[in-house]
Amino acid sequence: EPLARTVDQEDGPAQAGSCLLDAEFFSSTGVVVDGIPALTQPE
């Protein structure tokens, strides 16, 4: 299912809940947050 809503620029300054993206093109990969582990200070 779509994971976002679109908030138009005309709605004013972005608020904490703003999402300026088109819900049609949002996807979930099925991988949880940090399920693909980013590296920090790798060797």
PDB file of all heavy atoms in Angstrom:
ATOM      1  N   GLU A   1       0.827  -1.192   0.000  1.00  0.00           N
ATOM      2  CA  GLU A   1       0.000   0.000   0.000  1.00  0.00           C
ATOM      3  C   GLU A   1       0.866   1.247   0.000  1.00  0.00           C
ATOM      4  O   GLU A   1       1.986   1.230   0.515  1.00  0.00           O
ATOM      5  CB  GLU A   1      -0.912   0.009   1.243  1.00  0.00           C
ATOM      6  CG  GLU A   1      -1.949  -1.098   1.249  1.00  0.00           C
ATOM      7  CD  GLU A   1      -2.866  -1.012   0.044  1.00  0.00           C
ATOM      8  OE1 GLU A   1      -3.371   0.094  -0.239  1.00  0.00           O
ATOM      9  OE2 GLU A   1      -3.052  -2.040  -0.626  1.00  0.00           O
ATOM     10  N   PRO A   2       0.389   2.354  -0.580  1.00  0.00           N
ATOM     11  CA  PRO A   2       1.154   3.597  -0.549  1.00  0.00           C
ATOM     12  C   PRO A   2       1.496   3.989   0.881  1.00  0.00           C
ATOM     13  O   PRO A   2       0.687   3.851   1.787  1.00  0.00           O
ATOM     14  CB  PRO A   2       0.214   4.617  -1.201  1.00  0.00           C
ATOM     15  CG  PRO A   2      -0.709   3.782  -2.030  1.00  0.00           C
ATOM     16  CD  PRO A   2      -0.883   2.491  -1.290  1.00  0.00           C
ATOM     17  N   LEU A   3       2.708   4.489   1.084  1.00  0.00           N
ATOM     18  CA  LEU A   3       3.186   4.779   2.425  1.00  0.00           C
ATOM     19  C   LEU A   3       3.290   6.255   2.717  1.00  0.00           C
ATOM     20  O   LEU A   3       3.887   6.645   3.716  1.00  0.00           O
ATOM     21  CB  LEU A   3       4.571   4.134   2.618  1.00  0.00           C
ATOM     22  CG  LEU A   3       4.576   2.614   2.522  1.00  0.00           C
ATOM     23  CD1 LEU A   3       6.001   2.102   2.610  1.00  0.00           C
ATOM     24  CD2 LEU A   3       3.735   2.008   3.621  1.00  0.00           C
ATOM     25  N   ALA A   4       2.748   7.118   1.860  1.00  0.00           N
ATOM     26  CA  ALA A   4       2.912   8.541   2.111  1.00  0.00           C
ATOM     27  C   ALA A   4       1.777   9.319   1.471  1.00  0.00           C
ATOM     28  O   ALA A   4       1.009   8.805   0.682  1.00  0.00           O
ATOM     29  CB  ALA A   4       4.250   9.029   1.561  1.00  0.00           C
ATOM     30  N   ARG A   5       1.685  10.565   1.822  1.00  0.00           N
ATOM     31  CA  ARG A   5       0.772  11.468   1.157  1.00  0.00           C
ATOM     32  C   ARG A   5       1.590  12.611   0.574  1.00  0.00           C
ATOM     33  O   ARG A   5       2.725  12.833   0.971  1.00  0.00           O
ATOM     34  CB  ARG A   5      -0.262  12.020   2.145  1.00  0.00           C
ATOM     35  CG  ARG A   5       0.354  12.830   3.274  1.00  0.00           C
ATOM     36  CD  ARG A   5      -0.708  13.237   4.284  1.00  0.00           C
ATOM     37  NE  ARG A   5      -0.105  13.915   5.423  1.00  0.00           N
ATOM     38  CZ  ARG A   5       0.103  15.220   5.485  1.00  0.00           C
ATOM     39  NH1 ARG A   5      -0.192  15.980   4.454  1.00  0.00           N
ATOM     40  NH2 ARG A   5       0.625  15.771   6.553  1.00  0.00           N
ATOM     41  N   THR A   6       1.023  13.332  -0.363  1.00  0.00           N
ATOM     42  CA  THR A   6       1.704  14.463  -0.966  1.00  0.00           C
ATOM     43  C   THR A   6       1.250  15.751  -0.305  1.00  0.00           C
ATOM     44  O   THR A   6       0.060  15.971  -0.128  1.00  0.00           O
ATOM     45  CB  THR A   6       1.408  14.534  -2.474  1.00  0.00           C
ATOM     46  OG1 THR A   6       1.881  13.328  -3.076  1.00  0.00           O
ATOM     47  CG2 THR A   6       2.124  15.712  -3.104  1.00  0.00           C
ATOM     48  N   VAL A   7       2.182  16.595   0.069  1.00  0.00           N
ATOM     49  CA  VAL A   7       1.870  17.913   0.590  1.00  0.00           C
ATOM     50  C   VAL A   7       2.419  18.928  -0.390  1.00  0.00           C
ATOM     51  O   VAL A   7       3.606  18.956  -0.659  1.00  0.00           O
ATOM     52  CB  VAL A   7       2.516  18.133   1.980  1.00  0.00           C
ATOM     53  CG1 VAL A   7       2.211  19.540   2.477  1.00  0.00           C
ATOM     54  CG2 VAL A   7       1.991  17.109   2.969  1.00  0.00           C
ATOM     55  N   ASP A   8       1.534  19.735  -0.986  1.00  0.00           N
ATOM     56  CA  ASP A   8       1.964  20.687  -1.995  1.00  0.00           C
ATOM     57  C   ASP A   8       2.780  21.810  -1.388  1.00  0.00           C
ATOM     58  O   ASP A   8       2.596  22.198  -0.237  1.00  0.00           O
ATOM     59  CB  ASP A   8       0.743  21.293  -2.700  1.00  0.00           C
ATOM     60  CG  ASP A   8      -0.003  20.254  -3.512  1.00  0.00           C
ATOM     61  OD1 ASP A   8       0.647  19.308  -4.000  1.00  0.00           O
ATOM     62  OD2 ASP A   8      -1.228  20.389  -3.642  1.00  0.00           O
ATOM     63  N   GLN A   9       3.716  22.358  -2.184  1.00  0.00           N
ATOM     64  CA  GLN A   9       4.523  23.476  -1.728  1.00  0.00           C
ATOM     65  C   GLN A   9       3.634  24.643  -1.311  1.00  0.00           C
ATOM     66  O   GLN A   9       3.974  25.395  -0.409  1.00  0.00           O
ATOM     67  CB  GLN A   9       5.469  23.922  -2.854  1.00  0.00           C
ATOM     68  CG  GLN A   9       6.458  22.856  -3.302  1.00  0.00           C
ATOM     69  CD  GLN A   9       7.651  22.743  -2.376  1.00  0.00           C
ATOM     70  OE1 GLN A   9       7.715  23.407  -1.349  1.00  0.00           O
ATOM     71  NE2 GLN A   9       8.600  21.894  -2.743  1.00  0.00           N
ATOM     72  N   GLU A  10       2.461  24.807  -1.972  1.00  0.00           N
ATOM     73  CA  GLU A  10       1.596  25.947  -1.676  1.00  0.00           C
ATOM     74  C   GLU A  10       0.996  25.866  -0.279  1.00  0.00           C
ATOM     75  O   GLU A  10       0.413  26.821   0.222  1.00  0.00           O
ATOM     76  CB  GLU A  10       0.460  26.033  -2.700  1.00  0.00           C
ATOM     77  CG  GLU A  10       0.914  26.453  -4.099  1.00  0.00           C
ATOM     78  CD  GLU A  10       1.577  25.322  -4.874  1.00  0.00           C
ATOM     79  OE1 GLU A  10       1.583  24.174  -4.379  1.00  0.00           O
ATOM     80  OE2 GLU A  10       2.096  25.587  -5.977  1.00  0.00           O
ATOM     81  N   ASP A  11       1.116  24.702   0.381  1.00  0.00           N
ATOM     82  CA  ASP A  11       0.543  24.574   1.711  1.00  0.00           C
ATOM     83  C   ASP A  11       1.315  25.370   2.750  1.00  0.00           C
ATOM     84  O   ASP A  11       0.931  25.418   3.912  1.00  0.00           O
ATOM     85  CB  ASP A  11       0.516  23.098   2.140  1.00  0.00           C
ATOM     86  CG  ASP A  11      -0.525  22.317   1.354  1.00  0.00           C
ATOM     87  OD1 ASP A  11      -1.355  22.952   0.690  1.00  0.00           O
ATOM     88  OD2 ASP A  11      -0.498  21.090   1.407  1.00  0.00           O
ATOM     89  N   GLY A  12       2.428  25.981   2.345  1.00  0.00           N
ATOM     90  CA  GLY A  12       3.202  26.783   3.281  1.00  0.00           C
ATOM     91  C   GLY A  12       4.458  26.056   3.709  1.00  0.00           C
ATOM     92  O   GLY A  12       4.804  25.000   3.189  1.00  0.00           O
ATOM     93  N   PRO A  13       5.202  26.607   4.692  1.00  0.00           N
ATOM     94  CA  PRO A  13       6.461  26.012   5.145  1.00  0.00           C
ATOM     95  C   PRO A  13       6.255  24.572   5.602  1.00  0.00           C
ATOM     96  O   PRO A  13       5.219  24.228   6.182  1.00  0.00           O
ATOM     97  CB  PRO A  13       6.885  26.923   6.303  1.00  0.00           C
ATOM     98  CG  PRO A  13       6.146  28.200   6.091  1.00  0.00           C
ATOM     99  CD  PRO A  13       4.859  27.826   5.430  1.00  0.00           C
ATOM    100  N   ALA A  14       7.269  23.748   5.338  1.00  0.00           N
ATOM    101  CA  ALA A  14       7.166  22.339   5.721  1.00  0.00           C
ATOM    102  C   ALA A  14       7.070  22.206   7.237  1.00  0.00           C
ATOM    103  O   ALA A  14       7.810  22.836   7.973  1.00  0.00           O
ATOM    104  CB  ALA A  14       8.388  21.577   5.207  1.00  0.00           C
ATOM    105  N   GLN A  15       6.118  21.403   7.703  1.00  0.00           N
ATOM    106  CA  GLN A  15       5.969  21.127   9.119  1.00  0.00           C
ATOM    107  C   GLN A  15       6.581  19.763   9.424  1.00  0.00           C
ATOM    108  O   GLN A  15       7.039  19.043   8.537  1.00  0.00           O
ATOM    109  CB  GLN A  15       4.485  21.144   9.492  1.00  0.00           C
ATOM    110  CG  GLN A  15       3.773  22.446   9.123  1.00  0.00           C
ATOM    111  CD  GLN A  15       4.364  23.646   9.828  1.00  0.00           C
ATOM    112  OE1 GLN A  15       4.632  23.588  11.023  1.00  0.00           O
ATOM    113  NE2 GLN A  15       4.584  24.722   9.094  1.00  0.00           N
ATOM    114  N   ALA A  16       6.569  19.409  10.706  1.00  0.00           N
ATOM    115  CA  ALA A  16       7.178  18.138  11.106  1.00  0.00           C
ATOM    116  C   ALA A  16       6.537  16.959  10.396  1.00  0.00           C
ATOM    117  O   ALA A  16       7.183  15.959  10.138  1.00  0.00           O
ATOM    118  CB  ALA A  16       7.063  17.967  12.619  1.00  0.00           C
ATOM    119  N   GLY A  17       5.253  17.068  10.065  1.00  0.00           N
ATOM    120  CA  GLY A  17       4.579  15.962   9.413  1.00  0.00           C
ATOM    121  C   GLY A  17       4.513  16.069   7.911  1.00  0.00           C
ATOM    122  O   GLY A  17       3.818  15.309   7.277  1.00  0.00           O
ATOM    123  N   SER A  18       5.207  17.042   7.330  1.00  0.00           N
ATOM    124  CA  SER A  18       5.144  17.240   5.890  1.00  0.00           C
ATOM    125  C   SER A  18       5.848  16.115   5.149  1.00  0.00           C
ATOM    126  O   SER A  18       6.849  15.573   5.611  1.00  0.00           O
ATOM    127  CB  SER A  18       5.801  18.574   5.515  1.00  0.00           C
ATOM    128  OG  SER A  18       5.066  19.656   6.032  1.00  0.00           O
ATOM    129  N   CYS A  19       5.314  15.797   3.983  1.00  0.00           N
ATOM    130  CA  CYS A  19       5.994  14.870   3.093  1.00  0.00           C
ATOM    131  C   CYS A  19       5.786  15.367   1.675  1.00  0.00           C
ATOM    132  O   CYS A  19       4.677  15.302   1.154  1.00  0.00           O
ATOM    133  CB  CYS A  19       5.465  13.452   3.250  1.00  0.00           C
ATOM    134  SG  CYS A  19       6.481  12.248   2.375  1.00  0.00           S
ATOM    135  N   LEU A  20       6.840  15.901   1.078  1.00  0.00           N
ATOM    136  CA  LEU A  20       6.732  16.518  -0.240  1.00  0.00           C
ATOM    137  C   LEU A  20       7.048  15.511  -1.341  1.00  0.00           C
ATOM    138  O   LEU A  20       7.814  15.794  -2.251  1.00  0.00           O
ATOM    139  CB  LEU A  20       7.674  17.719  -0.323  1.00  0.00           C
ATOM    140  CG  LEU A  20       7.547  18.760   0.793  1.00  0.00           C
ATOM    141  CD1 LEU A  20       8.518  19.909   0.572  1.00  0.00           C
ATOM    142  CD2 LEU A  20       6.119  19.275   0.878  1.00  0.00           C
ATOM    143  N   LEU A  21       6.482  14.327  -1.245  1.00  0.00           N
ATOM    144  CA  LEU A  21       6.724  13.272  -2.212  1.00  0.00           C
ATOM    145  C   LEU A  21       5.388  12.685  -2.655  1.00  0.00           C
ATOM    146  O   LEU A  21       4.406  12.720  -1.910  1.00  0.00           O
ATOM    147  CB  LEU A  21       7.609  12.172  -1.610  1.00  0.00           C
ATOM    148  CG  LEU A  21       9.042  12.577  -1.255  1.00  0.00           C
ATOM    149  CD1 LEU A  21       9.710  11.490  -0.424  1.00  0.00           C
ATOM    150  CD2 LEU A  21       9.865  12.858  -2.507  1.00  0.00           C
ATOM    151  N   ASP A  22       5.381  12.124  -3.843  1.00  0.00           N
ATOM    152  CA  ASP A  22       4.178  11.543  -4.422  1.00  0.00           C
ATOM    153  C   ASP A  22       3.980  10.129  -3.872  1.00  0.00           C
ATOM    154  O   ASP A  22       4.830   9.251  -4.059  1.00  0.00           O
ATOM    155  CB  ASP A  22       4.323  11.518  -5.943  1.00  0.00           C
ATOM    156  CG  ASP A  22       3.042  11.144  -6.657  1.00  0.00           C
ATOM    157  OD1 ASP A  22       2.168  10.522  -6.021  1.00  0.00           O
ATOM    158  OD2 ASP A  22       2.921  11.469  -7.843  1.00  0.00           O
ATOM    159  N   ALA A  23       2.861   9.919  -3.195  1.00  0.00           N
ATOM    160  CA  ALA A  23       2.605   8.621  -2.574  1.00  0.00           C
ATOM    161  C   ALA A  23       2.634   7.476  -3.582  1.00  0.00           C
ATOM    162  O   ALA A  23       2.939   6.336  -3.224  1.00  0.00           O
ATOM    163  CB  ALA A  23       1.245   8.651  -1.870  1.00  0.00           C
ATOM    164  N   GLU A  24       2.331   7.774  -4.845  1.00  0.00           N
ATOM    165  CA  GLU A  24       2.265   6.724  -5.864  1.00  0.00           C
ATOM    166  C   GLU A  24       3.584   5.986  -6.025  1.00  0.00           C
ATOM    167  O   GLU A  24       3.617   4.812  -6.413  1.00  0.00           O
ATOM    168  CB  GLU A  24       1.841   7.337  -7.204  1.00  0.00           C
ATOM    169  CG  GLU A  24       1.727   6.339  -8.351  1.00  0.00           C
ATOM    170  CD  GLU A  24       1.350   7.004  -9.659  1.00  0.00           C
ATOM    171  OE1 GLU A  24       1.143   8.238  -9.668  1.00  0.00           O
ATOM    172  OE2 GLU A  24       1.263   6.278 -10.665  1.00  0.00           O
ATOM    173  N   PHE A  25       4.689   6.658  -5.719  1.00  0.00           N
ATOM    174  CA  PHE A  25       6.004   6.071  -6.005  1.00  0.00           C
ATOM    175  C   PHE A  25       6.757   5.663  -4.743  1.00  0.00           C
ATOM    176  O   PHE A  25       7.948   5.379  -4.802  1.00  0.00           O
ATOM    177  CB  PHE A  25       6.828   7.034  -6.852  1.00  0.00           C
ATOM    178  CG  PHE A  25       6.177   7.370  -8.159  1.00  0.00           C
ATOM    179  CD1 PHE A  25       5.731   8.650  -8.428  1.00  0.00           C
ATOM    180  CD2 PHE A  25       5.966   6.380  -9.109  1.00  0.00           C
ATOM    181  CE1 PHE A  25       5.107   8.962  -9.624  1.00  0.00           C
ATOM    182  CE2 PHE A  25       5.340   6.667 -10.310  1.00  0.00           C
ATOM    183  CZ  PHE A  25       4.914   7.965 -10.575  1.00  0.00           C
ATOM    184  N   PHE A  26       6.064   5.646  -3.607  1.00  0.00           N
ATOM    185  CA  PHE A  26       6.647   5.097  -2.389  1.00  0.00           C
ATOM    186  C   PHE A  26       6.502   3.582  -2.392  1.00  0.00           C
ATOM    187  O   PHE A  26       5.485   3.042  -2.819  1.00  0.00           O
ATOM    188  CB  PHE A  26       5.944   5.653  -1.150  1.00  0.00           C
ATOM    189  CG  PHE A  26       6.716   6.715  -0.440  1.00  0.00           C
ATOM    190  CD1 PHE A  26       6.418   8.048  -0.621  1.00  0.00           C
ATOM    191  CD2 PHE A  26       7.761   6.372   0.409  1.00  0.00           C
ATOM    192  CE1 PHE A  26       7.123   9.033   0.028  1.00  0.00           C
ATOM    193  CE2 PHE A  26       8.472   7.340   1.076  1.00  0.00           C
ATOM    194  CZ  PHE A  26       8.163   8.685   0.888  1.00  0.00           C
ATOM    195  N   SER A  27       7.502   2.887  -1.874  1.00  0.00           N
ATOM    196  CA  SER A  27       7.437   1.434  -1.749  1.00  0.00           C
ATOM    197  C   SER A  27       8.125   1.013  -0.462  1.00  0.00           C
ATOM    198  O   SER A  27       9.041   1.676   0.017  1.00  0.00           O
ATOM    199  CB  SER A  27       8.147   0.733  -2.916  1.00  0.00           C
ATOM    200  OG  SER A  27       7.642   1.143  -4.161  1.00  0.00           O
ATOM    201  N   SER A  28       7.677  -0.114   0.069  1.00  0.00           N
ATOM    202  CA  SER A  28       8.395  -0.780   1.146  1.00  0.00           C
ATOM    203  C   SER A  28       9.133  -1.967   0.551  1.00  0.00           C
ATOM    204  O   SER A  28       8.581  -2.723  -0.245  1.00  0.00           O
ATOM    205  CB  SER A  28       7.429  -1.262   2.219  1.00  0.00           C
ATOM    206  OG  SER A  28       8.094  -2.113   3.127  1.00  0.00           O
ATOM    207  N   THR A  29      10.383  -2.136   0.929  1.00  0.00           N
ATOM    208  CA  THR A  29      11.167  -3.274   0.440  1.00  0.00           C
ATOM    209  C   THR A  29      10.874  -4.530   1.237  1.00  0.00           C
ATOM    210  O   THR A  29      11.287  -5.615   0.841  1.00  0.00           O
ATOM    211  CB  THR A  29      12.669  -2.975   0.544  1.00  0.00           C
ATOM    212  OG1 THR A  29      13.010  -2.784   1.925  1.00  0.00           O
ATOM    213  CG2 THR A  29      13.038  -1.737  -0.249  1.00  0.00           C
ATOM    214  N   GLY A  30      10.184  -4.388   2.367  1.00  0.00           N
ATOM    215  CA  GLY A  30       9.994  -5.525   3.251  1.00  0.00           C
ATOM    216  C   GLY A  30      11.138  -5.698   4.226  1.00  0.00           C
ATOM    217  O   GLY A  30      11.112  -6.592   5.060  1.00  0.00           O
ATOM    218  N   VAL A  31      12.162  -4.827   4.122  1.00  0.00           N
ATOM    219  CA  VAL A  31      13.296  -4.868   5.043  1.00  0.00           C
ATOM    220  C   VAL A  31      13.067  -3.806   6.107  1.00  0.00           C
ATOM    221  O   VAL A  31      12.729  -2.659   5.790  1.00  0.00           O
ATOM    222  CB  VAL A  31      14.622  -4.605   4.295  1.00  0.00           C
ATOM    223  CG1 VAL A  31      15.795  -4.602   5.277  1.00  0.00           C
ATOM    224  CG2 VAL A  31      14.834  -5.668   3.227  1.00  0.00           C
ATOM    225  N   VAL A  32      13.238  -4.169   7.365  1.00  0.00           N
ATOM    226  CA  VAL A  32      12.990  -3.231   8.452  1.00  0.00           C
ATOM    227  C   VAL A  32      14.067  -2.153   8.486  1.00  0.00           C
ATOM    228  O   VAL A  32      15.102  -2.254   7.814  1.00  0.00           O
ATOM    229  CB  VAL A  32      12.933  -3.953   9.813  1.00  0.00           C
ATOM    230  CG1 VAL A  32      11.775  -4.923   9.861  1.00  0.00           C
ATOM    231  CG2 VAL A  32      14.255  -4.669  10.094  1.00  0.00           C
ATOM    232  N   VAL A  33      13.831  -1.126   9.275  1.00  0.00           N
ATOM    233  CA  VAL A  33      14.792  -0.050   9.449  1.00  0.00           C
ATOM    234  C   VAL A  33      16.138  -0.635   9.882  1.00  0.00           C
ATOM    235  O   VAL A  33      16.217  -1.454  10.794  1.00  0.00           O
ATOM    236  CB  VAL A  33      14.302   0.947  10.513  1.00  0.00           C
ATOM    237  CG1 VAL A  33      15.282   2.106  10.637  1.00  0.00           C
ATOM    238  CG2 VAL A  33      12.920   1.454  10.185  1.00  0.00           C
ATOM    239  N   ASP A  34      17.200  -0.242   9.190  1.00  0.00           N
ATOM    240  CA  ASP A  34      18.559  -0.735   9.456  1.00  0.00           C
ATOM    241  C   ASP A  34      18.717  -2.221   9.155  1.00  0.00           C
ATOM    242  O   ASP A  34      19.736  -2.822   9.511  1.00  0.00           O
ATOM    243  CB  ASP A  34      19.003  -0.453  10.890  1.00  0.00           C
ATOM    244  CG  ASP A  34      19.231   1.027  11.155  1.00  0.00           C
ATOM    245  OD1 ASP A  34      19.580   1.770  10.220  1.00  0.00           O
ATOM    246  OD2 ASP A  34      19.049   1.437  12.307  1.00  0.00           O
ATOM    247  N   GLY A  35      17.703  -2.824   8.503  1.00  0.00           N
ATOM    248  CA  GLY A  35      17.865  -4.213   8.076  1.00  0.00           C
ATOM    249  C   GLY A  35      18.998  -4.350   7.075  1.00  0.00           C
ATOM    250  O   GLY A  35      19.672  -5.376   7.007  1.00  0.00           O
ATOM    251  N   ILE A  36      19.200  -3.325   6.256  1.00  0.00           N
ATOM    252  CA  ILE A  36      20.432  -3.175   5.476  1.00  0.00           C
ATOM    253  C   ILE A  36      21.321  -2.265   6.310  1.00  0.00           C
ATOM    254  O   ILE A  36      21.034  -1.071   6.448  1.00  0.00           O
ATOM    255  CB  ILE A  36      20.155  -2.576   4.091  1.00  0.00           C
ATOM    256  CG1 ILE A  36      19.276  -3.539   3.279  1.00  0.00           C
ATOM    257  CG2 ILE A  36      21.449  -2.282   3.347  1.00  0.00           C
ATOM    258  CD1 ILE A  36      18.804  -2.972   1.957  1.00  0.00           C
ATOM    259  N   PRO A  37      22.373  -2.794   6.912  1.00  0.00           N
ATOM    260  CA  PRO A  37      23.122  -2.031   7.916  1.00  0.00           C
ATOM    261  C   PRO A  37      24.131  -1.072   7.299  1.00  0.00           C
ATOM    262  O   PRO A  37      25.120  -1.479   6.681  1.00  0.00           O
ATOM    263  CB  PRO A  37      23.828  -3.121   8.726  1.00  0.00           C
ATOM    264  CG  PRO A  37      24.013  -4.244   7.749  1.00  0.00           C
ATOM    265  CD  PRO A  37      22.841  -4.185   6.799  1.00  0.00           C
ATOM    266  N   ALA A  38      23.881   0.219   7.457  1.00  0.00           N
ATOM    267  CA  ALA A  38      24.866   1.212   7.028  1.00  0.00           C
ATOM    268  C   ALA A  38      26.142   1.054   7.848  1.00  0.00           C
ATOM    269  O   ALA A  38      26.106   0.605   9.004  1.00  0.00           O
ATOM    270  CB  ALA A  38      24.292   2.614   7.192  1.00  0.00           C
ATOM    271  N   LEU A  39      27.260   1.425   7.256  1.00  0.00           N
ATOM    272  CA  LEU A  39      28.557   1.314   7.929  1.00  0.00           C
ATOM    273  C   LEU A  39      28.909   2.632   8.611  1.00  0.00           C
ATOM    274  O   LEU A  39      28.588   3.714   8.112  1.00  0.00           O
ATOM    275  CB  LEU A  39      29.648   0.953   6.931  1.00  0.00           C
ATOM    276  CG  LEU A  39      29.487  -0.387   6.202  1.00  0.00           C
ATOM    277  CD1 LEU A  39      30.562  -0.535   5.125  1.00  0.00           C
ATOM    278  CD2 LEU A  39      29.550  -1.549   7.175  1.00  0.00           C
ATOM    279  N   THR A  40      29.588   2.539   9.728  1.00  0.00           N
ATOM    280  CA  THR A  40      30.100   3.712  10.430  1.00  0.00           C
ATOM    281  C   THR A  40      31.585   3.519  10.690  1.00  0.00           C
ATOM    282  O   THR A  40      31.992   2.534  11.311  1.00  0.00           O
ATOM    283  CB  THR A  40      29.362   3.928  11.761  1.00  0.00           C
ATOM    284  OG1 THR A  40      27.976   4.191  11.495  1.00  0.00           O
ATOM    285  CG2 THR A  40      29.945   5.112  12.520  1.00  0.00           C
ATOM    286  N   GLN A  41      32.372   4.435  10.179  1.00  0.00           N
ATOM    287  CA  GLN A  41      33.821   4.404  10.314  1.00  0.00           C
ATOM    288  C   GLN A  41      34.412   3.027  10.003  1.00  0.00           C
ATOM    289  O   GLN A  41      35.160   2.454  10.807  1.00  0.00           O
ATOM    290  CB  GLN A  41      34.235   4.850  11.720  1.00  0.00           C
ATOM    291  CG  GLN A  41      34.137   6.358  11.937  1.00  0.00           C
ATOM    292  CD  GLN A  41      34.998   7.138  10.929  1.00  0.00           C
ATOM    293  OE1 GLN A  41      34.548   7.546   9.855  1.00  0.00           O
ATOM    294  NE2 GLN A  41      36.253   7.333  11.267  1.00  0.00           N
ATOM    295  N   PRO A  42      34.101   2.478   8.815  1.00  0.00           N
ATOM    296  CA  PRO A  42      34.693   1.194   8.447  1.00  0.00           C
ATOM    297  C   PRO A  42      36.185   1.338   8.195  1.00  0.00           C
ATOM    298  O   PRO A  42      36.693   2.442   7.948  1.00  0.00           O
ATOM    299  CB  PRO A  42      33.951   0.830   7.165  1.00  0.00           C
ATOM    300  CG  PRO A  42      33.567   2.156   6.575  1.00  0.00           C
ATOM    301  CD  PRO A  42      33.267   3.038   7.755  1.00  0.00           C
ATOM    302  N   GLU A  43      36.881   0.215   8.232  1.00  0.00           N
ATOM    303  CA  GLU A  43      38.333   0.228   8.075  1.00  0.00           C
ATOM    304  C   GLU A  43      38.713   0.379   6.601  1.00  0.00           C
ATOM    305  O   GLU A  43      38.193  -0.329   5.733  1.00  0.00           O
ATOM    306  CB  GLU A  43      38.933  -1.056   8.629  1.00  0.00           C
ATOM    307  CG  GLU A  43      40.455  -1.104   8.557  1.00  0.00           C
ATOM    308  CD  GLU A  43      41.047  -2.357   9.169  1.00  0.00           C
ATOM    309  OE1 GLU A  43      40.261  -3.204   9.655  1.00  0.00           O
ATOM    310  OE2 GLU A  43      42.286  -2.494   9.164  1.00  0.00           O
TER     311      GLU A  43
END
